[in-house]
Amino acid sequence: MPFTDEELKLLRDSWDEVKKLGMKEVGLHIFTGLLNAAPSLRTLFYTIDLPDEEELTIDVMRENKKVVAHATRIANAISKFIKFLDQPEELEKLLTSLGESHARRQVDPESFEYVAPVILSVIGGHLKLPSNSPTLQAWVKAYGVLRNGIVSAMEA
């Protein structure tokens, strides 16, 4: 599903604005939001010492070097994804790599259903966007591409 020039501009401009927080911080907001939205996913990160039930805060997450490293990888992957949206071969390589990596770790493809609302919340919250903004609609479309590409590679 190709993106229009306007959608690409909205995605890239909004991501450029959000990543001014720093890749570590953006990643921490996304990762923390994900693990609070779906605490059951914490068991996937068995090499990271995380509490099972309590609400995680950015400050607590920031103190854990493994969390920071993974959170930064999340933000960097999103940056690459946005960069490659109009480069189909590079985009396919990225999504395949992400899918294979998650499959090796036995991540359930259904886990990705929790990610979209978190990304939309982080971007929309930082940019103070209404839920019906064209920017967030472009992100919904982009997340569909991201999720479908990763899941396809996981199931291959």
N, C-alpha and C. Protein backbone atom coordinates (compact mmCIF):
# COMPACT_ATOMS: atom_id res chain seq x y z
N MET A 1 0.85 -1.17 0.00
CA MET A 1 0.00 0.00 0.00
C MET A 1 0.90 1.24 0.00
N PRO A 2 1.09 1.84 -1.16
CA PRO A 2 1.98 2.99 -1.23
C PRO A 2 1.41 4.20 -0.47
N PHE A 3 2.31 5.03 -0.06
CA PHE A 3 1.94 6.24 0.66
C PHE A 3 1.94 7.42 -0.30
N THR A 4 1.02 8.34 -0.07
CA THR A 4 1.01 9.56 -0.87
C THR A 4 2.17 10.45 -0.41
N ASP A 5 2.50 11.41 -1.24
CA ASP A 5 3.55 12.36 -0.85
C ASP A 5 3.15 13.09 0.43
N GLU A 6 1.88 13.41 0.55
CA GLU A 6 1.40 14.10 1.75
C GLU A 6 1.55 13.23 2.99
N GLU A 7 1.18 11.95 2.87
CA GLU A 7 1.34 11.03 4.01
C GLU A 7 2.80 10.89 4.41
N LEU A 8 3.67 10.75 3.43
CA LEU A 8 5.10 10.65 3.73
C LEU A 8 5.59 11.89 4.46
N LYS A 9 5.15 13.05 4.01
CA LYS A 9 5.56 14.30 4.65
C LYS A 9 5.04 14.36 6.09
N LEU A 10 3.77 14.00 6.29
CA LEU A 10 3.21 14.01 7.64
C LEU A 10 3.97 13.06 8.56
N LEU A 11 4.25 11.86 8.07
CA LEU A 11 4.97 10.87 8.87
C LEU A 11 6.37 11.35 9.21
N ARG A 12 7.07 11.81 8.21
CA ARG A 12 8.47 12.22 8.43
C ARG A 12 8.57 13.48 9.28
N ASP A 13 7.71 14.45 9.01
CA ASP A 13 7.74 15.68 9.81
C ASP A 13 7.39 15.39 11.27
N SER A 14 6.37 14.58 11.50
CA SER A 14 5.97 14.29 12.88
C SER A 14 7.05 13.48 13.59
N TRP A 15 7.64 12.50 12.90
CA TRP A 15 8.70 11.72 13.54
C TRP A 15 9.92 12.59 13.83
N ASP A 16 10.26 13.49 12.90
CA ASP A 16 11.39 14.40 13.14
C ASP A 16 11.14 15.24 14.38
N GLU A 17 9.91 15.67 14.58
CA GLU A 17 9.57 16.47 15.75
C GLU A 17 9.64 15.64 17.03
N VAL A 18 9.08 14.44 17.00
CA VAL A 18 9.06 13.59 18.19
C VAL A 18 10.47 13.16 18.57
N LYS A 19 11.29 12.84 17.60
CA LYS A 19 12.62 12.34 17.94
C LYS A 19 13.56 13.44 18.44
N LYS A 20 13.10 14.67 18.45
CA LYS A 20 13.88 15.74 19.09
C LYS A 20 14.01 15.48 20.59
N LEU A 21 13.11 14.65 21.13
CA LEU A 21 13.22 14.24 22.53
C LEU A 21 14.48 13.42 22.76
N GLY A 22 15.00 12.83 21.70
CA GLY A 22 16.13 11.91 21.77
C GLY A 22 15.63 10.50 21.57
N MET A 23 16.39 9.70 20.86
CA MET A 23 15.96 8.35 20.54
C MET A 23 15.74 7.52 21.81
N LYS A 24 16.59 7.70 22.79
CA LYS A 24 16.44 6.96 24.05
C LYS A 24 15.10 7.31 24.70
N GLU A 25 14.79 8.59 24.77
CA GLU A 25 13.55 9.02 25.44
C GLU A 25 12.31 8.59 24.69
N VAL A 26 12.32 8.72 23.37
CA VAL A 26 11.18 8.28 22.57
C VAL A 26 10.97 6.78 22.79
N GLY A 27 12.06 6.04 22.69
CA GLY A 27 11.97 4.59 22.89
C GLY A 27 11.48 4.23 24.28
N LEU A 28 11.94 4.95 25.29
CA LEU A 28 11.49 4.69 26.66
C LEU A 28 9.99 4.95 26.82
N HIS A 29 9.50 6.00 26.20
CA HIS A 29 8.06 6.29 26.27
C HIS A 29 7.26 5.18 25.60
N ILE A 30 7.72 4.72 24.44
CA ILE A 30 7.01 3.66 23.74
C ILE A 30 7.09 2.34 24.51
N PHE A 31 8.30 1.97 24.93
CA PHE A 31 8.50 0.69 25.62
C PHE A 31 7.76 0.66 26.96
N THR A 32 7.83 1.75 27.70
CA THR A 32 7.13 1.82 28.99
C THR A 32 5.62 1.75 28.76
N GLY A 33 5.14 2.50 27.79
CA GLY A 33 3.71 2.46 27.48
C GLY A 33 3.25 1.07 27.09
N LEU A 34 4.05 0.39 26.31
CA LEU A 34 3.70 -0.97 25.86
C LEU A 34 3.63 -1.93 27.04
N LEU A 35 4.63 -1.89 27.89
CA LEU A 35 4.66 -2.83 29.01
C LEU A 35 3.61 -2.51 30.08
N ASN A 36 3.18 -1.26 30.16
CA ASN A 36 2.08 -0.92 31.06
C ASN A 36 0.73 -1.29 30.45
N ALA A 37 0.61 -1.15 29.13
CA ALA A 37 -0.64 -1.50 28.45
C ALA A 37 -0.86 -3.01 28.42
N ALA A 38 0.24 -3.75 28.34
CA ALA A 38 0.15 -5.22 28.25
C ALA A 38 1.20 -5.85 29.15
N PRO A 39 0.97 -5.86 30.47
CA PRO A 39 1.95 -6.40 31.40
C PRO A 39 2.36 -7.84 31.10
N SER A 40 1.48 -8.58 30.45
CA SER A 40 1.82 -9.98 30.12
C SER A 40 3.03 -10.06 29.18
N LEU A 41 3.31 -9.00 28.45
CA LEU A 41 4.46 -9.00 27.54
C LEU A 41 5.79 -8.92 28.29
N ARG A 42 5.76 -8.55 29.53
CA ARG A 42 7.00 -8.43 30.30
C ARG A 42 7.76 -9.75 30.36
N THR A 43 7.04 -10.86 30.32
CA THR A 43 7.71 -12.16 30.39
C THR A 43 8.59 -12.41 29.16
N LEU A 44 8.32 -11.74 28.05
CA LEU A 44 9.15 -11.88 26.86
C LEU A 44 10.55 -11.32 27.08
N PHE A 45 10.66 -10.42 28.02
CA PHE A 45 11.92 -9.74 28.28
C PHE A 45 12.55 -10.31 29.55
N TYR A 46 12.72 -11.63 29.55
CA TYR A 46 13.20 -12.33 30.75
C TYR A 46 14.63 -11.95 31.11
N THR A 47 15.40 -11.40 30.17
CA THR A 47 16.77 -10.99 30.51
C THR A 47 16.80 -9.61 31.17
N ILE A 48 15.64 -8.96 31.19
CA ILE A 48 15.53 -7.65 31.83
C ILE A 48 14.73 -7.85 33.12
N ASP A 49 15.26 -7.41 34.22
CA ASP A 49 14.59 -7.57 35.50
C ASP A 49 13.47 -6.53 35.63
N LEU A 50 12.23 -6.96 35.37
CA LEU A 50 11.08 -6.07 35.45
C LEU A 50 10.09 -6.62 36.47
N PRO A 51 9.46 -5.74 37.23
CA PRO A 51 8.41 -6.22 38.14
C PRO A 51 7.24 -6.75 37.33
N ASP A 52 6.55 -7.74 37.87
CA ASP A 52 5.47 -8.40 37.14
C ASP A 52 4.21 -7.55 37.01
N GLU A 53 3.82 -6.88 38.04
CA GLU A 53 2.50 -6.26 38.03
C GLU A 53 2.49 -4.74 38.16
N GLU A 54 3.44 -4.18 38.89
CA GLU A 54 3.31 -2.76 39.18
C GLU A 54 3.47 -1.90 37.93
N GLU A 55 2.90 -0.71 37.97
CA GLU A 55 3.00 0.25 36.88
C GLU A 55 4.45 0.70 36.78
N LEU A 56 4.95 0.68 35.56
CA LEU A 56 6.33 1.10 35.32
C LEU A 56 6.35 2.60 35.03
N THR A 57 7.38 3.26 35.51
CA THR A 57 7.55 4.68 35.20
C THR A 57 8.77 4.86 34.31
N ILE A 58 8.78 5.96 33.61
CA ILE A 58 9.93 6.28 32.76
C ILE A 58 11.20 6.34 33.62
N ASP A 59 11.10 6.93 34.79
CA ASP A 59 12.29 7.07 35.65
C ASP A 59 12.85 5.71 36.06
N VAL A 60 11.96 4.77 36.42
CA VAL A 60 12.42 3.42 36.78
C VAL A 60 13.04 2.74 35.57
N MET A 61 12.39 2.87 34.43
CA MET A 61 12.89 2.24 33.21
C MET A 61 14.24 2.82 32.80
N ARG A 62 14.41 4.11 32.98
CA ARG A 62 15.63 4.80 32.59
C ARG A 62 16.85 4.29 33.37
N GLU A 63 16.62 3.73 34.56
CA GLU A 63 17.71 3.23 35.40
C GLU A 63 18.24 1.87 34.97
N ASN A 64 17.51 1.17 34.10
CA ASN A 64 17.88 -0.17 33.69
C ASN A 64 18.56 -0.11 32.32
N LYS A 65 19.85 -0.41 32.28
CA LYS A 65 20.61 -0.29 31.03
C LYS A 65 20.06 -1.19 29.92
N LYS A 66 19.58 -2.37 30.26
CA LYS A 66 19.02 -3.27 29.24
C LYS A 66 17.71 -2.70 28.67
N VAL A 67 16.92 -2.08 29.53
CA VAL A 67 15.69 -1.44 29.08
C VAL A 67 16.03 -0.29 28.14
N VAL A 68 16.98 0.53 28.54
CA VAL A 68 17.37 1.68 27.72
C VAL A 68 17.88 1.20 26.36
N ALA A 69 18.66 0.15 26.35
CA ALA A 69 19.20 -0.36 25.08
C ALA A 69 18.06 -0.85 24.18
N HIS A 70 17.12 -1.60 24.75
CA HIS A 70 16.01 -2.11 23.93
C HIS A 70 15.12 -0.96 23.47
N ALA A 71 14.84 -0.04 24.35
CA ALA A 71 14.00 1.11 24.00
C ALA A 71 14.63 1.92 22.87
N THR A 72 15.92 2.10 22.93
CA THR A 72 16.62 2.85 21.87
C THR A 72 16.56 2.09 20.55
N ARG A 73 16.66 0.76 20.61
CA ARG A 73 16.52 -0.05 19.38
C ARG A 73 15.12 0.11 18.78
N ILE A 74 14.11 0.20 19.62
CA ILE A 74 12.74 0.40 19.13
C ILE A 74 12.66 1.72 18.36
N ALA A 75 13.15 2.78 18.96
CA ALA A 75 13.09 4.09 18.30
C ALA A 75 13.91 4.11 17.01
N ASN A 76 15.07 3.48 17.03
CA ASN A 76 15.89 3.43 15.82
C ASN A 76 15.21 2.63 14.71
N ALA A 77 14.52 1.56 15.08
CA ALA A 77 13.79 0.76 14.08
C ALA A 77 12.67 1.59 13.46
N ILE A 78 11.99 2.38 14.27
CA ILE A 78 10.93 3.24 13.73
C ILE A 78 11.53 4.28 12.79
N SER A 79 12.67 4.83 13.16
CA SER A 79 13.34 5.80 12.28
C SER A 79 13.70 5.19 10.94
N LYS A 80 14.25 3.99 10.97
CA LYS A 80 14.58 3.32 9.70
C LYS A 80 13.32 3.05 8.90
N PHE A 81 12.27 2.59 9.57
CA PHE A 81 11.01 2.31 8.90
C PHE A 81 10.50 3.56 8.18
N ILE A 82 10.49 4.68 8.87
CA ILE A 82 10.01 5.94 8.27
C ILE A 82 10.91 6.33 7.09
N LYS A 83 12.19 6.17 7.25
CA LYS A 83 13.14 6.51 6.18
C LYS A 83 12.89 5.66 4.93
N PHE A 84 12.57 4.38 5.12
CA PHE A 84 12.45 3.44 4.00
C PHE A 84 11.04 3.33 3.41
N LEU A 85 10.10 4.12 3.88
CA LEU A 85 8.72 3.98 3.39
C LEU A 85 8.59 4.10 1.87
N ASP A 86 9.46 4.87 1.26
CA ASP A 86 9.40 5.00 -0.20
C ASP A 86 10.56 4.28 -0.89
N GLN A 87 11.16 3.31 -0.16
CA GLN A 87 12.24 2.48 -0.69
C GLN A 87 11.85 1.01 -0.45
N PRO A 88 11.02 0.45 -1.31
CA PRO A 88 10.42 -0.88 -1.05
C PRO A 88 11.42 -1.99 -0.73
N GLU A 89 12.55 -2.02 -1.41
CA GLU A 89 13.52 -3.11 -1.15
C GLU A 89 14.12 -2.98 0.24
N GLU A 90 14.49 -1.77 0.62
CA GLU A 90 15.06 -1.54 1.95
C GLU A 90 14.01 -1.78 3.04
N LEU A 91 12.79 -1.35 2.76
CA LEU A 91 11.71 -1.56 3.72
C LEU A 91 11.47 -3.05 3.94
N GLU A 92 11.44 -3.81 2.87
CA GLU A 92 11.22 -5.26 3.00
C GLU A 92 12.35 -5.92 3.80
N LYS A 93 13.59 -5.52 3.55
CA LYS A 93 14.73 -6.07 4.32
C LYS A 93 14.57 -5.76 5.81
N LEU A 94 14.20 -4.52 6.12
CA LEU A 94 14.03 -4.13 7.52
C LEU A 94 12.93 -4.94 8.18
N LEU A 95 11.77 -5.02 7.54
CA LEU A 95 10.63 -5.73 8.13
C LEU A 95 10.92 -7.22 8.27
N THR A 96 11.62 -7.78 7.29
CA THR A 96 11.99 -9.20 7.37
C THR A 96 12.94 -9.43 8.54
N SER A 97 13.91 -8.56 8.68
CA SER A 97 14.86 -8.68 9.79
C SER A 97 14.15 -8.57 11.14
N LEU A 98 13.24 -7.60 11.27
CA LEU A 98 12.50 -7.44 12.52
C LEU A 98 11.61 -8.66 12.78
N GLY A 99 10.96 -9.16 11.75
CA GLY A 99 10.11 -10.33 11.90
C GLY A 99 10.89 -11.56 12.32
N GLU A 100 12.02 -11.78 11.67
CA GLU A 100 12.85 -12.94 12.01
C GLU A 100 13.38 -12.84 13.43
N SER A 101 13.78 -11.65 13.82
CA SER A 101 14.28 -11.44 15.18
C SER A 101 13.20 -11.74 16.22
N HIS A 102 11.98 -11.26 15.97
CA HIS A 102 10.90 -11.51 16.92
C HIS A 102 10.47 -12.98 16.90
N ALA A 103 10.53 -13.63 15.75
CA ALA A 103 10.18 -15.05 15.66
C ALA A 103 11.17 -15.89 16.45
N ARG A 104 12.47 -15.57 16.36
CA ARG A 104 13.49 -16.30 17.13
C ARG A 104 13.22 -16.21 18.62
N ARG A 105 12.65 -15.11 19.04
CA ARG A 105 12.36 -14.90 20.46
C ARG A 105 10.96 -15.39 20.84
N GLN A 106 10.32 -16.06 19.90
CA GLN A 106 9.00 -16.66 20.10
C GLN A 106 7.95 -15.65 20.54
N VAL A 107 8.00 -14.47 19.93
CA VAL A 107 6.99 -13.45 20.19
C VAL A 107 5.73 -13.85 19.44
N ASP A 108 4.61 -13.79 20.11
CA ASP A 108 3.32 -14.08 19.48
C ASP A 108 2.95 -12.90 18.57
N PRO A 109 2.62 -13.15 17.31
CA PRO A 109 2.23 -12.05 16.41
C PRO A 109 1.12 -11.17 16.97
N GLU A 110 0.26 -11.76 17.80
CA GLU A 110 -0.83 -10.98 18.40
C GLU A 110 -0.31 -9.88 19.33
N SER A 111 0.92 -10.03 19.82
CA SER A 111 1.51 -9.02 20.70
C SER A 111 1.59 -7.66 20.03
N PHE A 112 1.68 -7.66 18.71
CA PHE A 112 1.83 -6.40 17.99
C PHE A 112 0.56 -5.57 17.99
N GLU A 113 -0.56 -6.17 18.41
CA GLU A 113 -1.81 -5.42 18.49
C GLU A 113 -1.74 -4.34 19.58
N TYR A 114 -0.87 -4.52 20.54
CA TYR A 114 -0.73 -3.55 21.63
C TYR A 114 0.13 -2.35 21.25
N VAL A 115 0.91 -2.48 20.21
CA VAL A 115 1.91 -1.47 19.89
C VAL A 115 1.31 -0.22 19.26
N ALA A 116 0.39 -0.39 18.34
CA ALA A 116 -0.17 0.76 17.61
C ALA A 116 -0.73 1.84 18.54
N PRO A 117 -1.61 1.47 19.50
CA PRO A 117 -2.14 2.52 20.37
C PRO A 117 -1.06 3.25 21.16
N VAL A 118 -0.01 2.54 21.51
CA VAL A 118 1.07 3.17 22.27
C VAL A 118 1.83 4.17 21.40
N ILE A 119 2.17 3.76 20.19
CA ILE A 119 2.88 4.67 19.29
C ILE A 119 2.01 5.90 18.99
N LEU A 120 0.73 5.67 18.72
CA LEU A 120 -0.17 6.79 18.44
C LEU A 120 -0.27 7.71 19.65
N SER A 121 -0.30 7.14 20.84
CA SER A 121 -0.38 7.94 22.06
C SER A 121 0.88 8.78 22.26
N VAL A 122 2.03 8.17 22.04
CA VAL A 122 3.29 8.90 22.22
C VAL A 122 3.38 10.04 21.21
N ILE A 123 3.13 9.74 19.95
CA ILE A 123 3.23 10.77 18.91
C ILE A 123 2.15 11.83 19.08
N GLY A 124 0.90 11.36 19.22
CA GLY A 124 -0.20 12.31 19.38
C GLY A 124 -0.08 13.14 20.64
N GLY A 125 0.38 12.53 21.71
CA GLY A 125 0.55 13.25 22.97
C GLY A 125 1.65 14.29 22.89
N HIS A 126 2.77 13.90 22.31
CA HIS A 126 3.89 14.86 22.22
C HIS A 126 3.54 16.03 21.31
N LEU A 127 2.86 15.73 20.20
CA LEU A 127 2.53 16.78 19.23
C LEU A 127 1.17 17.44 19.52
N LYS A 128 0.49 16.95 20.56
CA LYS A 128 -0.82 17.49 20.95
C LYS A 128 -1.81 17.46 19.78
N LEU A 129 -1.90 16.29 19.16
CA LEU A 129 -2.77 16.11 17.99
C LEU A 129 -4.13 15.57 18.39
N PRO A 130 -5.19 16.05 17.75
CA PRO A 130 -6.49 15.42 17.98
C PRO A 130 -6.51 14.03 17.35
N SER A 131 -7.34 13.16 17.88
CA SER A 131 -7.33 11.77 17.42
C SER A 131 -7.69 11.62 15.95
N ASN A 132 -8.37 12.58 15.38
CA ASN A 132 -8.75 12.49 13.97
C ASN A 132 -7.81 13.26 13.04
N SER A 133 -6.63 13.60 13.53
CA SER A 133 -5.71 14.39 12.71
C SER A 133 -5.19 13.56 11.53
N PRO A 134 -4.94 14.22 10.40
CA PRO A 134 -4.36 13.52 9.25
C PRO A 134 -3.02 12.86 9.59
N THR A 135 -2.27 13.47 10.49
CA THR A 135 -0.98 12.89 10.87
C THR A 135 -1.18 11.54 11.55
N LEU A 136 -2.09 11.47 12.50
CA LEU A 136 -2.33 10.19 13.18
C LEU A 136 -2.95 9.17 12.23
N GLN A 137 -3.76 9.62 11.29
CA GLN A 137 -4.31 8.69 10.30
C GLN A 137 -3.18 8.10 9.44
N ALA A 138 -2.20 8.92 9.11
CA ALA A 138 -1.04 8.42 8.35
C ALA A 138 -0.27 7.41 9.19
N TRP A 139 -0.16 7.66 10.50
CA TRP A 139 0.53 6.72 11.38
C TRP A 139 -0.23 5.40 11.51
N VAL A 140 -1.55 5.46 11.51
CA VAL A 140 -2.34 4.23 11.54
C VAL A 140 -2.02 3.39 10.31
N LYS A 141 -2.00 4.03 9.16
CA LYS A 141 -1.68 3.33 7.91
C LYS A 141 -0.26 2.78 7.96
N ALA A 142 0.67 3.60 8.42
CA ALA A 142 2.08 3.17 8.50
C ALA A 142 2.23 1.99 9.46
N TYR A 143 1.53 2.05 10.59
CA TYR A 143 1.66 0.94 11.53
C TYR A 143 1.12 -0.36 10.92
N GLY A 144 0.08 -0.25 10.13
CA GLY A 144 -0.44 -1.44 9.45
C GLY A 144 0.62 -2.07 8.57
N VAL A 145 1.35 -1.25 7.85
CA VAL A 145 2.44 -1.75 6.99
C VAL A 145 3.53 -2.38 7.85
N LEU A 146 3.91 -1.70 8.93
CA LEU A 146 4.95 -2.20 9.83
C LEU A 146 4.54 -3.54 10.43
N ARG A 147 3.37 -3.60 11.01
CA ARG A 147 2.90 -4.82 11.65
C ARG A 147 2.77 -5.96 10.65
N ASN A 148 2.13 -5.70 9.53
CA ASN A 148 1.93 -6.76 8.55
C ASN A 148 3.24 -7.29 8.00
N GLY A 149 4.20 -6.41 7.80
CA GLY A 149 5.52 -6.85 7.31
C GLY A 149 6.25 -7.70 8.32
N ILE A 150 6.21 -7.29 9.57
CA ILE A 150 6.89 -8.05 10.63
C ILE A 150 6.21 -9.41 10.82
N VAL A 151 4.89 -9.41 10.91
CA VAL A 151 4.16 -10.65 11.15
C VAL A 151 4.32 -11.61 9.97
N SER A 152 4.29 -11.10 8.76
CA SER A 152 4.50 -11.97 7.59
C SER A 152 5.86 -12.66 7.66
N ALA A 153 6.88 -11.89 8.03
CA ALA A 153 8.21 -12.47 8.15
C ALA A 153 8.29 -13.48 9.30
N MET A 154 7.56 -13.22 10.37
CA MET A 154 7.55 -14.15 11.51
C MET A 154 6.92 -15.48 11.13
N GLU A 155 5.93 -15.42 10.28
CA GLU A 155 5.19 -16.62 9.92
C GLU A 155 5.76 -17.34 8.72
N ALA A 156 6.79 -16.76 8.10
CA ALA A 156 7.38 -17.38 6.89
C ALA A 156 8.22 -18.60 7.25
